[in-house]
Amino acid sequence: MRILDRYISKTIISGTLMVLMVLGALLAFVDFISELDDVGRGQYGITQAGMFVLLSLPKRLYELFPTAVLIGSLLSLGALASSSELTVMRAAGVSIARITFSVLKAGFILLICAAVVGEWGIPWSERNAQAQRAKGLDQSIRLGGSGGFWARDNGRFLYVSNVYPGQRLGEISVYELSEDNQLQRLTYAESATYIKGKWQLNQVKQTDFTHKQVQSSEMASVVWPELLNPDLFNVVSIKPENMSATRLYKYINHLKNNQLDSSSYELAFWIKVLTPLSSLVMLLIALPFVFGSQRTGGAGNRMLAGLLLGIGFYLLNRTVNHLGQVYHIYPFVSASAPLLVIAAVSVYALRKVK
């Protein structure tokens, strides 16, 4: 049975990878065409646009991963069915349940790969994609080696160590220079929040370098009308869907401890957790169509129905997620409901196959 497991896993994984490559090429082409509108602004050229598209690709493919698994499994298992290999397996005494188990083994491998990409790959690639694009367009942002970034705005040089959702910054250093480019003032704040068009800096330490004297002062909070252009802030801030599940979990606890709304981040967390699991459900969807096409004619119609079901799942999932936010449905329910419904239908259809 190990040989059978390896063969089925290899077939499904190779089919899924082929579909991901095709989808990736199509998405990259469409995204690159849309980026051509900005080519020529600042130092944003063809190379920078290409890098932005490539770095953005993991997130795009991650969103379509369940659909890619469905299409790949339908193509690969359909090929086994058309060559009568599934018939031979069943004639040799391998039950549908055992074949399903082999298929789900491949699903677990795909699940692990998707989880790794979602947890580490997407946060890194999205952050670098947005920062590199901003760098090419206006040269106002520079990535720092420790994960922060440099920015210049209204004659100030800023270094921001951390960027949090909700227009919050962490560990900010502001360097103000005189007209002859001498350091005039250094301001450090543990955090800053953009509120009603102004920046509130907290736990502030300020050092003035004037007339060969150094004067230091500390303040619990101070309000600045200007610190960082909000447009630049939007470039480097991390959207909930681009955060790792671990960081989302920690930030949700932070929001709850401070009695702030965390629903959008909870939804993003559950989507991040459930997206890899949906690959298993997509494999369950594929099996009834593949086995069913062996019993009767119209295999093409069954394949088309399976593809439409996968696309329908994607649209249903997105719709329910957005409706959940509008009607304040518990995030876990809105994130898992489409998956549970499709899983129940798949199991029911699979039990009907003989």
Protein backbone atom coordinates (compact mmCIF):
# COMPACT_ATOMS: atom_id res chain seq x y z
CA MET A 1 0.00 0.00 0.00
CA ARG A 2 2.94 2.33 0.49
CA ILE A 3 3.65 2.14 -3.23
CA LEU A 4 0.02 3.04 -3.93
CA ASP A 5 0.15 5.94 -1.46
CA ARG A 6 3.31 7.32 -3.02
CA TYR A 7 1.96 6.96 -6.55
CA ILE A 8 -1.34 8.71 -5.81
CA SER A 9 0.39 11.44 -3.78
CA LYS A 10 2.91 12.07 -6.55
CA THR A 11 0.13 12.25 -9.13
CA ILE A 12 -2.02 14.70 -7.14
CA ILE A 13 0.85 16.93 -6.02
CA SER A 14 2.30 17.16 -9.54
CA GLY A 15 -1.16 18.00 -10.92
CA THR A 16 -1.65 20.71 -8.30
CA LEU A 17 1.79 22.21 -8.96
CA MET A 18 1.05 22.30 -12.68
CA VAL A 19 -2.19 24.19 -12.06
CA LEU A 20 -0.43 26.61 -9.69
CA MET A 21 2.21 27.29 -12.34
CA VAL A 22 -0.45 28.05 -14.96
CA LEU A 23 -2.44 30.26 -12.58
CA GLY A 24 0.76 31.98 -11.46
CA ALA A 25 1.74 32.78 -15.04
CA LEU A 26 -1.72 34.20 -15.80
CA LEU A 27 -1.85 36.27 -12.61
CA ALA A 28 1.69 37.56 -13.10
CA PHE A 29 0.90 38.63 -16.66
CA VAL A 30 -2.28 40.47 -15.65
CA ASP A 31 -0.61 42.15 -12.65
CA PHE A 32 2.41 43.16 -14.72
CA ILE A 33 0.18 44.80 -17.34
CA SER A 34 -1.58 46.79 -14.61
CA GLU A 35 1.78 47.88 -13.15
CA LEU A 36 2.90 49.34 -16.48
CA ASP A 37 0.79 52.43 -15.73
CA ASP A 38 3.25 53.37 -12.96
CA VAL A 39 6.42 52.56 -14.89
CA GLY A 40 8.39 55.77 -15.43
CA ARG A 41 7.36 57.42 -12.16
CA GLY A 42 10.43 58.17 -10.09
CA GLN A 43 12.81 55.25 -10.50
CA TYR A 44 10.04 52.69 -10.96
CA GLY A 45 11.04 50.80 -14.09
CA ILE A 46 10.29 47.48 -15.76
CA THR A 47 12.63 45.60 -13.41
CA GLN A 48 11.02 47.07 -10.28
CA ALA A 49 7.54 46.30 -11.63
CA GLY A 50 8.58 42.72 -12.34
CA MET A 51 9.99 42.30 -8.83
CA PHE A 52 6.81 43.70 -7.30
CA VAL A 53 4.67 41.26 -9.28
CA LEU A 54 6.86 38.28 -8.33
CA LEU A 55 6.87 39.21 -4.64
CA SER A 56 3.07 39.66 -4.70
CA LEU A 57 2.49 36.29 -6.37
CA PRO A 58 2.63 34.08 -3.22
CA LYS A 59 -0.35 35.87 -1.68
CA ARG A 60 -2.38 35.65 -4.90
CA LEU A 61 -1.69 31.93 -5.27
CA TYR A 62 -2.40 31.31 -1.58
CA GLU A 63 -5.88 32.76 -1.99
CA LEU A 64 -6.52 30.46 -4.95
CA PHE A 65 -4.79 27.44 -3.41
CA PRO A 66 -7.98 25.46 -2.60
CA THR A 67 -9.29 25.96 -6.14
CA ALA A 68 -5.89 24.93 -7.55
CA VAL A 69 -5.97 21.76 -5.45
CA LEU A 70 -9.43 20.92 -6.76
CA ILE A 71 -8.51 21.49 -10.40
CA GLY A 72 -5.20 19.64 -10.01
CA SER A 73 -6.81 16.65 -8.30
CA LEU A 74 -9.59 16.48 -10.90
CA LEU A 75 -7.04 16.49 -13.71
CA SER A 76 -4.68 13.98 -12.10
CA LEU A 77 -7.32 11.59 -10.76
CA GLY A 78 -9.29 12.01 -13.97
CA ALA A 79 -6.20 10.88 -15.89
CA LEU A 80 -6.00 7.79 -13.67
CA ALA A 81 -9.67 7.09 -14.30
CA SER A 82 -9.43 7.54 -18.08
CA SER A 83 -6.47 5.14 -18.23
CA SER A 84 -8.47 2.63 -16.13
CA GLU A 85 -5.86 2.72 -13.35
CA LEU A 86 -8.51 3.41 -10.73
CA THR A 87 -10.54 0.50 -12.10
CA VAL A 88 -7.51 -1.77 -11.79
CA MET A 89 -6.95 -0.61 -8.21
CA ARG A 90 -10.51 -1.43 -7.27
CA ALA A 91 -10.38 -4.76 -9.11
CA ALA A 92 -7.27 -5.60 -7.09
CA GLY A 93 -9.30 -5.23 -3.92
CA VAL A 94 -8.48 -1.64 -2.99
CA SER A 95 -11.62 -0.05 -1.57
CA ILE A 96 -12.82 3.48 -2.24
CA ALA A 97 -12.16 4.28 1.42
CA ARG A 98 -8.52 3.16 1.04
CA ILE A 99 -8.07 5.23 -2.12
CA THR A 100 -9.62 8.18 -0.31
CA PHE A 101 -7.12 7.71 2.51
CA SER A 102 -4.25 7.77 0.00
CA VAL A 103 -5.65 10.94 -1.55
CA LEU A 104 -5.95 12.62 1.85
CA LYS A 105 -2.32 11.75 2.57
CA ALA A 106 -1.37 13.88 -0.42
CA GLY A 107 -3.70 16.53 0.95
CA PHE A 108 -1.81 16.65 4.24
CA ILE A 109 1.44 17.29 2.37
CA LEU A 110 -0.20 20.14 0.46
CA LEU A 111 -1.70 21.40 3.73
CA ILE A 112 1.72 21.65 5.37
CA CYS A 113 3.19 23.45 2.36
CA ALA A 114 0.31 25.96 2.33
CA ALA A 115 0.62 26.55 6.08
CA VAL A 116 4.35 27.28 5.79
CA VAL A 117 3.78 29.74 2.93
CA GLY A 118 0.93 31.46 4.79
CA GLU A 119 2.82 31.73 8.08
CA TRP A 120 6.23 32.85 6.87
CA GLY A 121 6.31 33.36 3.11
CA ILE A 122 3.42 35.78 2.58
CA PRO A 123 4.23 38.25 5.42
CA TRP A 124 7.81 38.53 4.17
CA SER A 125 6.99 38.77 0.46
CA GLU A 126 4.14 41.28 0.88
CA ARG A 127 6.14 43.57 3.12
CA ASN A 128 9.06 43.59 0.71
CA ALA A 129 6.79 43.97 -2.32
CA GLN A 130 5.12 47.11 -0.95
CA ALA A 131 8.36 48.60 0.34
CA GLN A 132 10.23 47.98 -2.91
CA ARG A 133 7.39 49.53 -4.90
CA ALA A 134 7.33 52.63 -2.69
CA LYS A 135 11.09 52.87 -2.93
CA GLY A 136 10.96 52.88 -6.71
CA LEU A 137 8.11 55.38 -6.92
CA ASP A 138 9.26 58.14 -4.58
CA GLN A 139 12.48 57.12 -2.80
CA SER A 140 10.88 58.08 0.53
CA ILE A 141 11.23 54.72 2.25
CA ARG A 142 14.26 52.53 2.93
CA LEU A 143 14.09 49.11 4.51
CA GLY A 144 16.09 48.70 7.69
CA GLY A 145 18.17 45.64 8.37
CA SER A 146 16.30 44.72 11.56
CA GLY A 147 12.82 44.84 10.05
CA GLY A 148 12.07 48.56 10.45
CA PHE A 149 12.23 51.27 7.82
CA TRP A 150 13.63 54.73 7.20
CA ALA A 151 11.48 57.56 5.90
CA ARG A 152 11.91 61.23 5.12
CA ASP A 153 9.00 63.60 5.45
CA ASN A 154 8.98 67.42 5.71
CA GLY A 155 12.69 67.66 6.40
CA ARG A 156 12.67 65.02 9.12
CA PHE A 157 14.39 61.65 9.02
CA LEU A 158 12.50 58.91 10.79
CA TYR A 159 13.31 55.37 11.75
CA VAL A 160 10.34 53.18 12.67
CA SER A 161 11.07 49.78 14.19
CA ASN A 162 7.55 48.36 14.14
CA VAL A 163 4.37 49.00 12.18
CA TYR A 164 1.05 47.82 13.57
CA PRO A 165 -2.46 47.77 12.09
CA GLY A 166 -4.77 50.60 13.07
CA GLN A 167 -2.23 53.31 12.16
CA ARG A 168 0.10 52.59 15.07
CA LEU A 169 3.89 52.79 15.07
CA GLY A 170 6.34 51.35 17.58
CA GLU A 171 9.78 52.59 18.66
CA ILE A 172 10.17 55.73 16.54
CA SER A 173 13.30 57.85 16.30
CA VAL A 174 12.99 61.30 14.68
CA TYR A 175 16.10 63.17 13.56
CA GLU A 176 15.75 66.89 12.82
CA LEU A 177 18.62 68.63 11.02
CA SER A 178 19.51 72.29 10.80
CA GLU A 179 19.96 74.14 7.51
CA ASP A 180 23.66 73.21 7.49
CA ASN A 181 22.76 69.52 7.99
CA GLN A 182 23.77 69.39 11.65
CA LEU A 183 21.75 67.29 14.08
CA GLN A 184 19.48 69.72 15.90
CA ARG A 185 17.04 67.49 17.77
CA LEU A 186 16.53 63.79 18.45
CA THR A 187 13.13 62.57 19.55
CA TYR A 188 12.40 59.01 20.59
CA ALA A 189 8.92 57.64 21.30
CA GLU A 190 7.95 54.14 22.35
CA SER A 191 4.76 54.34 20.28
CA ALA A 192 2.74 56.68 18.09
CA THR A 193 -0.90 56.64 16.99
CA TYR A 194 -2.53 58.60 14.17
CA ILE A 195 -5.72 60.13 15.63
CA LYS A 196 -7.96 62.65 13.85
CA GLY A 197 -5.26 63.94 11.56
CA LYS A 198 -2.57 64.23 14.24
CA TRP A 199 0.08 61.97 15.73
CA GLN A 200 0.08 61.20 19.45
CA LEU A 201 3.53 60.14 20.65
CA ASN A 202 3.77 58.22 23.92
CA GLN A 203 6.67 57.84 26.38
CA VAL A 204 8.71 60.52 24.64
CA LYS A 205 12.39 61.32 25.22
CA GLN A 206 13.68 64.45 23.50
CA THR A 207 17.26 65.66 23.20
CA ASP A 208 18.14 69.13 21.85
CA PHE A 209 21.58 69.91 20.43
CA THR A 210 21.80 73.72 20.40
CA HIS A 211 24.66 76.15 21.03
CA LYS A 212 27.03 73.33 21.94
CA GLN A 213 24.71 72.29 24.75
CA VAL A 214 22.67 69.16 25.19
CA GLN A 215 19.28 69.42 26.85
CA SER A 216 17.12 66.36 27.54
CA SER A 217 13.49 66.11 28.52
CA GLU A 218 10.89 63.40 28.97
CA MET A 219 7.13 63.55 28.40
CA ALA A 220 4.38 61.00 28.91
CA SER A 221 2.75 62.01 25.64
CA VAL A 222 2.88 64.77 23.07
CA VAL A 223 0.77 65.58 20.02
CA TRP A 224 2.44 66.42 16.72
CA PRO A 225 0.43 67.75 13.78
CA GLU A 226 2.89 66.06 11.42
CA LEU A 227 5.15 63.05 11.74
CA LEU A 228 4.72 60.67 8.83
CA ASN A 229 2.59 61.17 5.75
CA PRO A 230 -0.41 58.81 6.14
CA ASP A 231 0.02 57.75 2.51
CA LEU A 232 3.51 56.47 3.33
CA PHE A 233 2.16 54.84 6.46
CA ASN A 234 -0.37 52.92 4.40
CA VAL A 235 2.44 51.58 2.22
CA VAL A 236 4.40 49.99 5.06
CA SER A 237 1.56 49.03 7.40
CA ILE A 238 0.66 45.37 7.48
CA LYS A 239 -2.88 44.41 6.52
CA PRO A 240 -4.51 41.65 8.58
CA GLU A 241 -4.52 39.19 5.67
CA ASN A 242 -0.76 39.68 5.24
CA MET A 243 0.10 38.90 8.86
CA SER A 244 1.14 35.49 10.10
CA ALA A 245 -1.29 33.49 12.25
CA THR A 246 1.06 33.81 15.22
CA ARG A 247 1.26 37.59 14.93
CA LEU A 248 -2.49 37.83 14.41
CA TYR A 249 -3.12 35.81 17.56
CA LYS A 250 -0.85 38.04 19.63
CA TYR A 251 -2.34 41.22 18.21
CA ILE A 252 -5.91 39.99 18.81
CA ASN A 253 -5.04 39.47 22.48
CA HIS A 254 -3.51 42.95 22.58
CA LEU A 255 -6.70 44.49 21.17
CA LYS A 256 -8.93 42.56 23.55
CA ASN A 257 -6.81 43.52 26.55
CA ASN A 258 -7.23 47.16 25.56
CA GLN A 259 -10.97 46.71 24.86
CA LEU A 260 -10.60 47.45 21.15
CA ASP A 261 -12.47 45.88 18.24
CA SER A 262 -10.64 42.78 16.99
CA SER A 263 -13.28 41.23 14.70
CA SER A 264 -11.47 41.90 11.41
CA TYR A 265 -8.25 40.41 12.78
CA GLU A 266 -10.08 37.39 14.21
CA LEU A 267 -11.61 36.77 10.78
CA ALA A 268 -8.18 37.05 9.13
CA PHE A 269 -6.79 34.64 11.74
CA TRP A 270 -9.41 31.96 11.10
CA ILE A 271 -9.09 32.35 7.32
CA LYS A 272 -5.34 31.90 7.70
CA VAL A 273 -5.87 28.74 9.77
CA LEU A 274 -8.64 27.23 7.64
CA THR A 275 -7.24 27.91 4.15
CA PRO A 276 -4.75 25.01 4.32
CA LEU A 277 -7.48 22.73 5.71
CA SER A 278 -9.69 23.58 2.75
CA SER A 279 -7.26 21.67 0.51
CA LEU A 280 -8.50 18.45 2.13
CA VAL A 281 -12.10 19.43 1.45
CA MET A 282 -11.27 20.15 -2.19
CA LEU A 283 -9.85 16.64 -2.53
CA LEU A 284 -13.05 15.21 -1.06
CA ILE A 285 -15.03 17.19 -3.64
CA ALA A 286 -12.96 15.75 -6.48
CA LEU A 287 -13.40 12.08 -5.55
CA PRO A 288 -17.17 11.71 -6.21
CA PHE A 289 -16.78 13.29 -9.64
CA VAL A 290 -13.85 11.05 -10.56
CA PHE A 291 -15.40 7.83 -9.30
CA GLY A 292 -18.79 8.81 -10.66
CA SER A 293 -17.36 9.33 -14.14
CA GLN A 294 -16.32 5.69 -14.16
CA ARG A 295 -19.86 4.43 -13.79
CA THR A 296 -21.57 6.56 -16.36
CA GLY A 297 -20.84 8.64 -19.40
CA GLY A 298 -20.47 12.39 -19.45
CA ALA A 299 -17.11 12.53 -17.70
CA GLY A 300 -16.52 15.97 -19.21
CA ASN A 301 -19.75 17.26 -17.72
CA ARG A 302 -18.80 15.88 -14.33
CA MET A 303 -15.39 17.51 -14.52
CA LEU A 304 -16.96 20.83 -15.50
CA ALA A 305 -19.41 20.55 -12.61
CA GLY A 306 -16.52 19.93 -10.24
CA LEU A 307 -14.63 22.97 -11.51
CA LEU A 308 -17.70 25.16 -11.17
CA LEU A 309 -18.18 23.87 -7.63
CA GLY A 310 -14.62 24.85 -6.75
CA ILE A 311 -15.04 28.34 -8.18
CA GLY A 312 -18.40 28.57 -6.42
CA PHE A 313 -16.72 27.64 -3.14
CA TYR A 314 -14.19 30.44 -3.62
CA LEU A 315 -16.90 33.02 -4.32
CA LEU A 316 -19.14 31.73 -1.51
CA ASN A 317 -16.25 31.83 0.93
CA ARG A 318 -15.38 35.44 0.08
CA THR A 319 -19.04 36.51 0.18
CA VAL A 320 -19.75 34.91 3.56
CA ASN A 321 -16.55 36.40 5.00
CA HIS A 322 -17.59 39.92 3.98
CA LEU A 323 -21.20 39.43 5.11
CA GLY A 324 -19.91 38.21 8.45
CA GLN A 325 -18.14 41.53 8.96
CA VAL A 326 -21.17 43.54 7.89
CA TYR A 327 -23.64 41.67 10.14
CA HIS A 328 -21.14 41.09 12.98
CA ILE A 329 -21.23 37.30 12.78
CA TYR A 330 -18.70 35.54 15.01
CA PRO A 331 -15.51 35.37 12.89
CA PHE A 332 -14.99 31.62 13.32
CA VAL A 333 -18.51 30.94 12.08
CA SER A 334 -18.23 33.13 8.98
CA ALA A 335 -14.80 31.69 8.17
CA SER A 336 -15.71 28.03 8.67
CA ALA A 337 -19.36 27.86 7.52
CA PRO A 338 -18.66 27.51 3.75
CA LEU A 339 -15.96 24.94 4.44
CA LEU A 340 -18.22 22.84 6.67
CA VAL A 341 -21.10 22.95 4.18
CA ILE A 342 -18.93 21.85 1.26
CA ALA A 343 -17.29 19.17 3.42
CA ALA A 344 -20.69 17.75 4.40
CA VAL A 345 -21.87 17.69 0.77
CA SER A 346 -18.61 16.03 -0.32
CA VAL A 347 -18.84 13.28 2.31
CA TYR A 348 -22.49 12.65 1.42
CA ALA A 349 -21.69 12.40 -2.30
CA LEU A 350 -18.70 10.16 -1.63
CA ARG A 351 -20.83 7.75 0.40
CA LYS A 352 -23.17 7.41 -2.56
CA VAL A 353 -20.33 6.18 -4.77
CA LYS A 354 -20.10 2.41 -5.04
